[in-house]
């Protein structure tokens, strides 16, 4: 199993964890009677700032992770997963970092750190694509 395979399954597992975190957060709020059943807006409004950040982290995953997975699948299909393995691990690590930073704070310095983690992912996936089309 290459690092690309590990990253592929890591991104899927990461997204599942964000969904579990979101579901757990919402369940706790319902059980504590802080929010009525079915009272959650899809954008997280009407909840705490932390709850809104959880929603955003989860949404950011389903907005971006499929793009990464598609490139990884292409590398598996063409038998070139080993050529992008290091970039794939960078994507996984920076995706996790981006989510953790977002959960931690929305202060400007953390926003800039989060953007840096996102930029690293985009740069790494572009390098993956370049490697796969050469």
N, C-alpha and C. Protein backbone atom coordinates (compact mmCIF):
# COMPACT_ATOMS: atom_id res chain seq x y z
N UNK A 1 0.85 -1.18 0.00
CA UNK A 1 0.00 0.00 0.00
C UNK A 1 0.90 1.24 0.00
N UNK A 2 0.64 2.14 -0.93
CA UNK A 2 1.45 3.35 -1.03
C UNK A 2 0.88 4.44 -0.12
N UNK A 3 1.64 5.51 0.00
CA UNK A 3 1.14 6.67 0.74
C UNK A 3 -0.10 7.26 0.07
N UNK A 4 -0.21 7.09 -1.23
CA UNK A 4 -1.40 7.56 -1.93
C UNK A 4 -2.62 6.79 -1.46
N UNK A 5 -2.48 5.48 -1.28
CA UNK A 5 -3.59 4.68 -0.74
C UNK A 5 -3.93 5.12 0.68
N UNK A 6 -2.91 5.32 1.48
CA UNK A 6 -3.14 5.76 2.86
C UNK A 6 -3.86 7.11 2.87
N UNK A 7 -3.44 8.01 2.02
CA UNK A 7 -4.07 9.33 1.94
C UNK A 7 -5.51 9.22 1.44
N UNK A 8 -5.73 8.36 0.46
CA UNK A 8 -7.07 8.15 -0.07
C UNK A 8 -8.02 7.74 1.05
N UNK A 9 -7.65 6.70 1.77
CA UNK A 9 -8.51 6.22 2.85
C UNK A 9 -8.50 7.19 4.04
N UNK A 10 -7.39 7.88 4.24
CA UNK A 10 -7.32 8.88 5.31
C UNK A 10 -8.29 10.02 5.09
N UNK A 11 -8.42 10.49 3.85
CA UNK A 11 -9.36 11.56 3.55
C UNK A 11 -10.81 11.10 3.74
N UNK A 12 -11.09 9.86 3.36
CA UNK A 12 -12.43 9.32 3.57
C UNK A 12 -12.71 9.20 5.07
N UNK A 13 -11.75 8.69 5.82
CA UNK A 13 -11.91 8.54 7.27
C UNK A 13 -12.05 9.91 7.93
N UNK A 14 -11.25 10.87 7.50
CA UNK A 14 -11.35 12.23 8.04
C UNK A 14 -12.74 12.80 7.83
N UNK A 15 -13.29 12.62 6.63
CA UNK A 15 -14.63 13.15 6.37
C UNK A 15 -15.67 12.44 7.22
N UNK A 16 -15.50 11.14 7.42
CA UNK A 16 -16.42 10.40 8.30
C UNK A 16 -16.32 10.92 9.74
N UNK A 17 -15.11 11.24 10.18
CA UNK A 17 -14.94 11.79 11.53
C UNK A 17 -15.62 13.15 11.67
N UNK A 18 -15.53 13.99 10.65
CA UNK A 18 -16.19 15.30 10.75
C UNK A 18 -17.71 15.13 10.80
N UNK A 19 -18.22 14.15 10.08
CA UNK A 19 -19.65 13.86 10.14
C UNK A 19 -20.04 13.35 11.52
N UNK A 20 -19.22 12.47 12.09
CA UNK A 20 -19.47 11.97 13.44
C UNK A 20 -19.42 13.09 14.47
N UNK A 21 -18.46 14.00 14.33
CA UNK A 21 -18.36 15.15 15.23
C UNK A 21 -19.60 16.02 15.12
N UNK A 22 -20.04 16.28 13.91
CA UNK A 22 -21.23 17.09 13.69
C UNK A 22 -22.48 16.42 14.29
N UNK A 23 -22.64 15.14 14.02
CA UNK A 23 -23.80 14.41 14.55
C UNK A 23 -23.77 14.36 16.07
N UNK A 24 -22.60 14.16 16.64
CA UNK A 24 -22.47 14.12 18.10
C UNK A 24 -22.79 15.46 18.72
N UNK A 25 -22.27 16.52 18.13
CA UNK A 25 -22.53 17.87 18.63
C UNK A 25 -24.03 18.15 18.62
N UNK A 26 -24.66 17.86 17.51
CA UNK A 26 -26.10 18.11 17.39
C UNK A 26 -26.89 17.25 18.36
N UNK A 27 -26.51 16.00 18.53
CA UNK A 27 -27.20 15.12 19.47
C UNK A 27 -27.11 15.64 20.90
N UNK A 28 -25.93 16.08 21.28
CA UNK A 28 -25.76 16.63 22.63
C UNK A 28 -26.65 17.85 22.83
N UNK A 29 -26.69 18.73 21.84
CA UNK A 29 -27.53 19.94 21.96
C UNK A 29 -29.02 19.59 22.05
N UNK A 30 -29.45 18.55 21.35
CA UNK A 30 -30.85 18.12 21.43
C UNK A 30 -31.12 17.50 22.79
N UNK A 31 -30.23 16.61 23.25
CA UNK A 31 -30.43 15.97 24.55
C UNK A 31 -30.40 16.96 25.70
N UNK A 32 -29.63 18.02 25.56
CA UNK A 32 -29.57 19.08 26.57
C UNK A 32 -30.73 20.06 26.43
N UNK A 33 -31.56 19.83 25.42
CA UNK A 33 -32.72 20.67 25.13
C UNK A 33 -32.35 22.13 24.83
N UNK A 34 -31.15 22.31 24.32
CA UNK A 34 -30.70 23.65 23.91
C UNK A 34 -31.21 23.99 22.52
N UNK A 35 -31.45 22.95 21.72
CA UNK A 35 -31.97 23.13 20.36
C UNK A 35 -33.03 22.04 20.15
N UNK A 36 -34.19 22.40 19.60
CA UNK A 36 -35.23 21.38 19.39
C UNK A 36 -34.84 20.38 18.30
N UNK A 37 -35.45 19.19 18.38
CA UNK A 37 -35.23 18.18 17.34
C UNK A 37 -35.57 18.80 15.99
N UNK A 38 -34.73 18.59 15.03
CA UNK A 38 -34.96 19.14 13.70
C UNK A 38 -34.77 20.65 13.63
N UNK A 39 -34.18 21.24 14.66
CA UNK A 39 -34.03 22.68 14.71
C UNK A 39 -32.70 23.20 14.21
N UNK A 40 -31.94 22.37 13.52
CA UNK A 40 -30.63 22.79 13.02
C UNK A 40 -30.73 23.28 11.60
N UNK A 41 -30.21 24.46 11.37
CA UNK A 41 -30.12 24.98 10.00
C UNK A 41 -28.91 24.33 9.32
N UNK A 42 -29.00 24.06 8.03
CA UNK A 42 -27.87 23.42 7.33
C UNK A 42 -26.57 24.20 7.42
N UNK A 43 -26.64 25.52 7.55
CA UNK A 43 -25.43 26.33 7.62
C UNK A 43 -24.90 26.50 9.04
N UNK A 44 -25.57 25.89 10.01
CA UNK A 44 -25.11 25.97 11.39
C UNK A 44 -25.57 27.21 12.12
N UNK A 45 -26.31 28.09 11.45
CA UNK A 45 -26.80 29.29 12.14
C UNK A 45 -27.78 28.86 13.24
N UNK A 46 -27.86 29.65 14.25
CA UNK A 46 -28.74 29.33 15.36
C UNK A 46 -28.08 28.45 16.42
N UNK A 47 -26.81 28.22 16.27
CA UNK A 47 -26.08 27.43 17.25
C UNK A 47 -24.88 28.25 17.73
N UNK A 48 -24.00 27.64 18.46
CA UNK A 48 -22.83 28.34 18.99
C UNK A 48 -21.81 28.57 17.88
N UNK A 49 -20.88 29.49 18.10
CA UNK A 49 -19.81 29.67 17.10
C UNK A 49 -19.03 28.37 16.83
N UNK A 50 -18.81 27.57 17.89
CA UNK A 50 -18.12 26.29 17.68
C UNK A 50 -18.97 25.37 16.81
N UNK A 51 -20.26 25.34 17.04
CA UNK A 51 -21.16 24.53 16.22
C UNK A 51 -21.13 24.97 14.76
N UNK A 52 -21.05 26.25 14.54
CA UNK A 52 -20.96 26.77 13.17
C UNK A 52 -19.65 26.35 12.53
N UNK A 53 -18.58 26.34 13.32
CA UNK A 53 -17.28 25.93 12.77
C UNK A 53 -17.28 24.44 12.42
N UNK A 54 -17.95 23.63 13.24
CA UNK A 54 -18.04 22.19 12.92
C UNK A 54 -18.75 22.00 11.59
N UNK A 55 -19.88 22.71 11.41
CA UNK A 55 -20.62 22.62 10.15
C UNK A 55 -19.73 23.02 8.99
N UNK A 56 -18.98 24.08 9.15
CA UNK A 56 -18.13 24.58 8.07
C UNK A 56 -17.00 23.61 7.74
N UNK A 57 -16.40 23.01 8.77
CA UNK A 57 -15.33 22.04 8.54
C UNK A 57 -15.87 20.85 7.75
N UNK A 58 -17.03 20.36 8.15
CA UNK A 58 -17.64 19.24 7.44
C UNK A 58 -17.97 19.62 5.99
N UNK A 59 -18.58 20.78 5.82
CA UNK A 59 -18.94 21.24 4.48
C UNK A 59 -17.71 21.44 3.61
N UNK A 60 -16.66 21.98 4.19
CA UNK A 60 -15.43 22.19 3.42
C UNK A 60 -14.88 20.87 2.91
N UNK A 61 -15.06 19.82 3.70
CA UNK A 61 -14.61 18.50 3.26
C UNK A 61 -15.37 17.99 2.06
N UNK A 62 -16.70 18.05 2.11
CA UNK A 62 -17.42 17.52 0.96
C UNK A 62 -17.36 18.44 -0.24
N UNK A 63 -16.91 19.66 -0.04
CA UNK A 63 -16.69 20.56 -1.18
C UNK A 63 -15.37 20.28 -1.88
N UNK A 64 -14.37 19.82 -1.15
CA UNK A 64 -13.02 19.69 -1.70
C UNK A 64 -12.49 18.26 -1.80
N UNK A 65 -12.81 17.42 -0.86
CA UNK A 65 -12.21 16.08 -0.83
C UNK A 65 -12.51 15.28 -2.09
N UNK A 66 -13.70 15.34 -2.69
CA UNK A 66 -13.92 14.56 -3.93
C UNK A 66 -12.92 14.88 -5.04
N UNK A 67 -12.51 16.12 -5.13
CA UNK A 67 -11.51 16.51 -6.13
C UNK A 67 -10.20 15.75 -5.89
N UNK A 68 -9.75 15.71 -4.64
CA UNK A 68 -8.52 15.00 -4.32
C UNK A 68 -8.67 13.51 -4.59
N UNK A 69 -9.80 12.94 -4.17
CA UNK A 69 -10.02 11.52 -4.37
C UNK A 69 -10.05 11.15 -5.85
N UNK A 70 -10.60 12.03 -6.68
CA UNK A 70 -10.63 11.76 -8.12
C UNK A 70 -9.22 11.67 -8.70
N UNK A 71 -8.36 12.56 -8.27
CA UNK A 71 -6.97 12.52 -8.74
C UNK A 71 -6.28 11.25 -8.24
N UNK A 72 -6.52 10.89 -6.99
CA UNK A 72 -5.93 9.66 -6.45
C UNK A 72 -6.45 8.44 -7.21
N UNK A 73 -7.75 8.40 -7.48
CA UNK A 73 -8.32 7.28 -8.24
C UNK A 73 -7.68 7.17 -9.62
N UNK A 74 -7.45 8.30 -10.25
CA UNK A 74 -6.79 8.29 -11.55
C UNK A 74 -5.39 7.69 -11.43
N UNK A 75 -4.69 8.05 -10.37
CA UNK A 75 -3.34 7.50 -10.19
C UNK A 75 -3.39 5.99 -9.97
N UNK A 76 -4.43 5.50 -9.28
CA UNK A 76 -4.57 4.05 -9.10
C UNK A 76 -4.88 3.39 -10.44
N UNK A 77 -5.77 3.99 -11.20
CA UNK A 77 -6.20 3.44 -12.49
C UNK A 77 -5.03 3.35 -13.47
N UNK A 78 -4.17 4.33 -13.44
CA UNK A 78 -3.03 4.34 -14.37
C UNK A 78 -1.80 3.63 -13.79
N UNK A 79 -1.90 3.15 -12.57
CA UNK A 79 -0.77 2.45 -11.96
C UNK A 79 0.37 3.36 -11.56
N UNK A 80 0.07 4.63 -11.29
CA UNK A 80 1.12 5.60 -11.00
C UNK A 80 0.97 6.22 -9.60
N UNK A 81 0.31 5.52 -8.71
CA UNK A 81 0.07 6.05 -7.37
C UNK A 81 1.37 6.35 -6.63
N UNK A 82 2.40 5.55 -6.90
CA UNK A 82 3.68 5.78 -6.22
C UNK A 82 4.33 7.09 -6.64
N UNK A 83 4.00 7.60 -7.82
CA UNK A 83 4.60 8.84 -8.31
C UNK A 83 4.08 10.08 -7.58
N UNK A 84 2.93 9.97 -6.97
CA UNK A 84 2.36 11.14 -6.28
C UNK A 84 2.24 10.91 -4.77
N UNK A 85 2.84 9.84 -4.28
CA UNK A 85 2.66 9.43 -2.89
C UNK A 85 3.02 10.53 -1.89
N UNK A 86 4.15 11.19 -2.09
CA UNK A 86 4.56 12.22 -1.13
C UNK A 86 3.61 13.40 -1.13
N UNK A 87 3.17 13.80 -2.32
CA UNK A 87 2.21 14.90 -2.41
C UNK A 87 0.88 14.50 -1.77
N UNK A 88 0.49 13.24 -1.94
CA UNK A 88 -0.76 12.76 -1.36
C UNK A 88 -0.73 12.87 0.16
N UNK A 89 0.39 12.53 0.76
CA UNK A 89 0.49 12.63 2.23
C UNK A 89 0.47 14.09 2.67
N UNK A 90 1.06 14.96 1.89
CA UNK A 90 1.01 16.40 2.19
C UNK A 90 -0.43 16.87 2.17
N UNK A 91 -1.20 16.40 1.19
CA UNK A 91 -2.61 16.78 1.10
C UNK A 91 -3.37 16.31 2.34
N UNK A 92 -3.18 15.07 2.71
CA UNK A 92 -3.88 14.53 3.89
C UNK A 92 -3.52 15.32 5.15
N UNK A 93 -2.24 15.51 5.38
CA UNK A 93 -1.80 16.21 6.60
C UNK A 93 -2.28 17.66 6.63
N UNK A 94 -2.21 18.33 5.50
CA UNK A 94 -2.64 19.73 5.50
C UNK A 94 -4.16 19.84 5.57
N UNK A 95 -4.89 18.85 5.06
CA UNK A 95 -6.36 18.84 5.20
C UNK A 95 -6.74 18.70 6.67
N UNK A 96 -6.08 17.80 7.37
CA UNK A 96 -6.36 17.61 8.80
C UNK A 96 -5.99 18.88 9.56
N UNK A 97 -4.84 19.46 9.25
CA UNK A 97 -4.41 20.70 9.91
C UNK A 97 -5.43 21.81 9.67
N UNK A 98 -5.89 21.94 8.44
CA UNK A 98 -6.86 22.98 8.12
C UNK A 98 -8.12 22.83 8.98
N UNK A 99 -8.62 21.61 9.09
CA UNK A 99 -9.82 21.37 9.88
C UNK A 99 -9.62 21.67 11.35
N UNK A 100 -8.49 21.22 11.89
CA UNK A 100 -8.22 21.47 13.32
C UNK A 100 -8.06 22.96 13.61
N UNK A 101 -7.38 23.66 12.73
CA UNK A 101 -7.22 25.11 12.90
C UNK A 101 -8.58 25.79 12.86
N UNK A 102 -9.43 25.37 11.94
CA UNK A 102 -10.76 25.97 11.83
C UNK A 102 -11.59 25.71 13.09
N UNK A 103 -11.49 24.51 13.62
CA UNK A 103 -12.23 24.20 14.85
C UNK A 103 -11.71 25.02 16.03
N UNK A 104 -10.43 25.29 16.03
CA UNK A 104 -9.82 25.97 17.16
C UNK A 104 -10.21 27.44 17.25
N UNK A 105 -10.13 28.16 16.14
CA UNK A 105 -10.35 29.61 16.22
C UNK A 105 -10.63 30.21 14.85
N UNK A 106 -11.31 31.36 14.90
CA UNK A 106 -11.51 32.15 13.68
C UNK A 106 -10.83 33.51 13.81
N UNK A 107 -9.88 33.63 14.71
CA UNK A 107 -9.08 34.85 14.79
C UNK A 107 -8.27 34.97 13.50
N UNK A 108 -7.92 36.20 13.15
CA UNK A 108 -7.25 36.46 11.88
C UNK A 108 -6.00 35.62 11.68
N UNK A 109 -5.16 35.50 12.71
CA UNK A 109 -3.92 34.73 12.53
C UNK A 109 -4.21 33.26 12.23
N UNK A 110 -5.31 32.74 12.80
CA UNK A 110 -5.67 31.35 12.53
C UNK A 110 -6.33 31.21 11.16
N UNK A 111 -7.04 32.25 10.74
CA UNK A 111 -7.59 32.25 9.38
C UNK A 111 -6.45 32.18 8.37
N UNK A 112 -5.39 32.93 8.62
CA UNK A 112 -4.25 32.91 7.71
C UNK A 112 -3.54 31.55 7.74
N UNK A 113 -3.43 30.94 8.91
CA UNK A 113 -2.85 29.60 9.00
C UNK A 113 -3.71 28.59 8.24
N UNK A 114 -5.02 28.71 8.41
CA UNK A 114 -5.95 27.81 7.73
C UNK A 114 -5.85 27.97 6.22
N UNK A 115 -5.77 29.21 5.77
CA UNK A 115 -5.61 29.44 4.33
C UNK A 115 -4.29 28.85 3.84
N UNK A 116 -3.25 28.97 4.63
CA UNK A 116 -1.95 28.40 4.24
C UNK A 116 -2.07 26.89 4.06
N UNK A 117 -2.76 26.23 4.98
CA UNK A 117 -2.96 24.78 4.87
C UNK A 117 -3.76 24.45 3.61
N UNK A 118 -4.77 25.25 3.31
CA UNK A 118 -5.56 25.03 2.10
C UNK A 118 -4.70 25.26 0.86
N UNK A 119 -3.91 26.31 0.86
CA UNK A 119 -3.04 26.61 -0.29
C UNK A 119 -2.06 25.47 -0.54
N UNK A 120 -1.53 24.90 0.52
CA UNK A 120 -0.61 23.76 0.39
C UNK A 120 -1.32 22.59 -0.29
N UNK A 121 -2.58 22.35 0.08
CA UNK A 121 -3.33 21.26 -0.55
C UNK A 121 -3.50 21.51 -2.05
N UNK A 122 -3.86 22.73 -2.40
CA UNK A 122 -4.08 23.05 -3.82
C UNK A 122 -2.78 22.93 -4.60
N UNK A 123 -1.71 23.45 -4.03
CA UNK A 123 -0.41 23.33 -4.69
C UNK A 123 -0.02 21.86 -4.86
N UNK A 124 -0.21 21.06 -3.82
CA UNK A 124 0.15 19.65 -3.88
C UNK A 124 -0.69 18.89 -4.92
N UNK A 125 -1.99 19.19 -4.99
CA UNK A 125 -2.82 18.47 -5.97
C UNK A 125 -2.46 18.89 -7.39
N UNK A 126 -2.10 20.15 -7.57
CA UNK A 126 -1.64 20.59 -8.90
C UNK A 126 -0.35 19.89 -9.29
N UNK A 127 0.53 19.70 -8.33
CA UNK A 127 1.77 18.96 -8.59
C UNK A 127 1.48 17.50 -8.91
N UNK A 128 0.48 16.93 -8.22
CA UNK A 128 0.05 15.55 -8.53
C UNK A 128 -0.43 15.47 -9.97
N UNK A 129 -1.27 16.39 -10.35
CA UNK A 129 -1.80 16.40 -11.71
C UNK A 129 -0.67 16.53 -12.73
N UNK A 130 0.26 17.43 -12.45
CA UNK A 130 1.39 17.62 -13.36
C UNK A 130 2.19 16.31 -13.50
N UNK A 131 2.40 15.61 -12.40
CA UNK A 131 3.13 14.35 -12.44
C UNK A 131 2.38 13.29 -13.24
N UNK A 132 1.06 13.31 -13.11
CA UNK A 132 0.25 12.27 -13.76
C UNK A 132 0.06 12.49 -15.26
N UNK A 133 0.22 13.73 -15.70
CA UNK A 133 0.02 13.99 -17.13
C UNK A 133 1.33 14.08 -17.91
N UNK A 134 2.45 13.99 -17.23
CA UNK A 134 3.73 14.08 -17.97
C UNK A 134 4.05 12.79 -18.67
